[in-house]
Amino acid sequence: TLVDLEAYDLIPALVKKSDGATLYMTRDLAAVFYRKRTYDFDQCLYVVGNEQSVHFKQLKAVIKEMGYDWYEDIHHIPFGLITQGGKKLSTRKG
């Protein structure tokens, strides 16, 4: 399932694969709705690498398209590439 985000100058957001499998976008949407419902946050901050900038712009745009005004309360705080020995450090590997 694609969400057309041309009005936001963004590439379409893929929220579900044709086989029904979920993606980062699907899981991030579920997570942010859970956090809003559970914690009723004033601000939701995502501190992740700047390579995720488009993803978080898409996330906010999808939420806005769904009719929720709290998309404005979601913020991506990007950081640059962190390397060690000339190789990118992996947050998954610690």
C-alpha atoms as a PDB file:
ATOM      1  CA  THR A   1       0.000   0.000   0.000  1.00  0.00           C
ATOM      2  CA  LEU A   2       1.421   3.345  -1.061  1.00  0.00           C
ATOM      3  CA  VAL A   3       0.568   6.781   0.282  1.00  0.00           C
ATOM      4  CA  ASP A   4       1.032   9.491  -2.348  1.00  0.00           C
ATOM      5  CA  LEU A   5       3.031  12.321  -0.811  1.00  0.00           C
ATOM      6  CA  GLU A   6       3.651  14.349  -3.959  1.00  0.00           C
ATOM      7  CA  ALA A   7       1.893  17.338  -2.363  1.00  0.00           C
ATOM      8  CA  TYR A   8       4.721  17.356   0.213  1.00  0.00           C
ATOM      9  CA  ASP A   9       7.487  16.996  -2.403  1.00  0.00           C
ATOM     10  CA  LEU A  10       8.192  13.527  -1.026  1.00  0.00           C
ATOM     11  CA  ILE A  11       8.378  10.112  -2.609  1.00  0.00           C
ATOM     12  CA  PRO A  12       5.401   7.842  -1.859  1.00  0.00           C
ATOM     13  CA  ALA A  13       5.434   6.113   1.524  1.00  0.00           C
ATOM     14  CA  LEU A  14       5.197   2.342   1.352  1.00  0.00           C
ATOM     15  CA  VAL A  15       3.214   1.269   4.412  1.00  0.00           C
ATOM     16  CA  LYS A  16       2.462  -2.370   3.575  1.00  0.00           C
ATOM     17  CA  LYS A  17       3.879  -4.853   1.099  1.00  0.00           C
ATOM     18  CA  SER A  18       1.585  -6.713  -1.294  1.00  0.00           C
ATOM     19  CA  ASP A  19       1.990  -9.893   0.774  1.00  0.00           C
ATOM     20  CA  GLY A  20       0.805  -8.033   3.885  1.00  0.00           C
ATOM     21  CA  ALA A  21       4.264  -7.808   5.436  1.00  0.00           C
ATOM     22  CA  THR A  22       4.978  -4.727   7.507  1.00  0.00           C
ATOM     23  CA  LEU A  23       7.802  -2.264   7.006  1.00  0.00           C
ATOM     24  CA  TYR A  24       9.588   0.346   9.115  1.00  0.00           C
ATOM     25  CA  MET A  25       6.866   2.832   8.173  1.00  0.00           C
ATOM     26  CA  THR A  26       4.101   0.471   9.305  1.00  0.00           C
ATOM     27  CA  ARG A  27       5.797  -0.183  12.621  1.00  0.00           C
ATOM     28  CA  ASP A  28       6.691   3.477  13.193  1.00  0.00           C
ATOM     29  CA  LEU A  29       3.078   4.489  12.544  1.00  0.00           C
ATOM     30  CA  ALA A  30       1.838   1.882  15.012  1.00  0.00           C
ATOM     31  CA  ALA A  31       4.446   2.971  17.566  1.00  0.00           C
ATOM     32  CA  VAL A  32       3.703   6.693  17.353  1.00  0.00           C
ATOM     33  CA  PHE A  33      -0.056   6.099  17.613  1.00  0.00           C
ATOM     34  CA  TYR A  34       0.548   3.874  20.652  1.00  0.00           C
ATOM     35  CA  ARG A  35       2.755   6.553  22.249  1.00  0.00           C
ATOM     36  CA  LYS A  36       0.210   9.289  21.567  1.00  0.00           C
ATOM     37  CA  ARG A  37      -2.664   7.219  22.982  1.00  0.00           C
ATOM     38  CA  THR A  38      -0.687   5.945  25.988  1.00  0.00           C
ATOM     39  CA  TYR A  39       1.364   8.996  26.946  1.00  0.00           C
ATOM     40  CA  ASP A  40      -0.477  11.846  25.191  1.00  0.00           C
ATOM     41  CA  PHE A  41       2.909  13.419  24.463  1.00  0.00           C
ATOM     42  CA  ASP A  42       3.396  17.118  23.881  1.00  0.00           C
ATOM     43  CA  GLN A  43       6.471  16.431  21.762  1.00  0.00           C
ATOM     44  CA  CYS A  44       7.751  13.166  20.291  1.00  0.00           C
ATOM     45  CA  LEU A  45      11.474  13.242  19.546  1.00  0.00           C
ATOM     46  CA  TYR A  46      13.259  10.735  17.322  1.00  0.00           C
ATOM     47  CA  VAL A  47      17.028  11.018  17.764  1.00  0.00           C
ATOM     48  CA  VAL A  48      18.370   8.960  14.885  1.00  0.00           C
ATOM     49  CA  GLY A  49      20.826   9.354  12.018  1.00  0.00           C
ATOM     50  CA  ASN A  50      20.272  11.965   9.343  1.00  0.00           C
ATOM     51  CA  GLU A  51      19.949   9.193   6.738  1.00  0.00           C
ATOM     52  CA  GLN A  52      16.418   8.704   8.162  1.00  0.00           C
ATOM     53  CA  SER A  53      15.296  12.282   7.412  1.00  0.00           C
ATOM     54  CA  VAL A  54      13.061  11.362   4.467  1.00  0.00           C
ATOM     55  CA  HIS A  55      11.457   8.558   6.460  1.00  0.00           C
ATOM     56  CA  PHE A  56      10.425  10.911   9.271  1.00  0.00           C
ATOM     57  CA  LYS A  57       9.176  13.554   6.831  1.00  0.00           C
ATOM     58  CA  GLN A  58       7.050  10.809   5.276  1.00  0.00           C
ATOM     59  CA  LEU A  59       5.851   9.653   8.702  1.00  0.00           C
ATOM     60  CA  LYS A  60       4.659  13.151   9.587  1.00  0.00           C
ATOM     61  CA  ALA A  61       3.029  13.615   6.185  1.00  0.00           C
ATOM     62  CA  VAL A  62       1.137  10.315   6.445  1.00  0.00           C
ATOM     63  CA  ILE A  63      -0.161  11.275   9.898  1.00  0.00           C
ATOM     64  CA  LYS A  64      -1.229  14.670   8.548  1.00  0.00           C
ATOM     65  CA  GLU A  65      -2.983  12.964   5.613  1.00  0.00           C
ATOM     66  CA  MET A  66      -4.845  10.821   8.154  1.00  0.00           C
ATOM     67  CA  GLY A  67      -6.253  14.047   9.612  1.00  0.00           C
ATOM     68  CA  TYR A  68      -4.309  14.283  12.866  1.00  0.00           C
ATOM     69  CA  ASP A  69      -2.959  17.713  13.800  1.00  0.00           C
ATOM     70  CA  TRP A  70      -0.406  16.341  16.265  1.00  0.00           C
ATOM     71  CA  TYR A  71       1.909  15.484  13.363  1.00  0.00           C
ATOM     72  CA  GLU A  72       3.432  18.894  14.168  1.00  0.00           C
ATOM     73  CA  ASP A  73       4.559  17.531  17.553  1.00  0.00           C
ATOM     74  CA  ILE A  74       6.813  14.892  15.987  1.00  0.00           C
ATOM     75  CA  HIS A  75      10.436  15.915  15.528  1.00  0.00           C
ATOM     76  CA  HIS A  76      13.414  14.176  13.999  1.00  0.00           C
ATOM     77  CA  ILE A  77      16.658  15.172  15.730  1.00  0.00           C
ATOM     78  CA  PRO A  78      19.283  13.963  13.252  1.00  0.00           C
ATOM     79  CA  PHE A  79      22.893  13.230  13.962  1.00  0.00           C
ATOM     80  CA  GLY A  80      25.725  12.668  11.519  1.00  0.00           C
ATOM     81  CA  LEU A  81      27.509   9.487  10.635  1.00  0.00           C
ATOM     82  CA  ILE A  82      29.492   7.956  13.475  1.00  0.00           C
ATOM     83  CA  THR A  83      32.450   5.851  12.384  1.00  0.00           C
ATOM     84  CA  GLN A  84      35.158   3.806  13.991  1.00  0.00           C
ATOM     85  CA  GLY A  85      38.164   2.655  12.037  1.00  0.00           C
ATOM     86  CA  GLY A  86      36.640   4.103   8.876  1.00  0.00           C
ATOM     87  CA  LYS A  87      33.484   1.986   9.199  1.00  0.00           C
ATOM     88  CA  LYS A  88      29.993   3.078  10.175  1.00  0.00           C
ATOM     89  CA  LEU A  89      29.039   1.984  13.685  1.00  0.00           C
ATOM     90  CA  SER A  90      25.930  -0.153  13.871  1.00  0.00           C
ATOM     91  CA  THR A  91      23.355   0.697  16.528  1.00  0.00           C
ATOM     92  CA  ARG A  92      21.966  -2.818  16.165  1.00  0.00           C
ATOM     93  CA  LYS A  93      25.304  -4.403  17.044  1.00  0.00           C
ATOM     94  CA  GLY A  94      25.993  -1.936  19.857  1.00  0.00           C
END
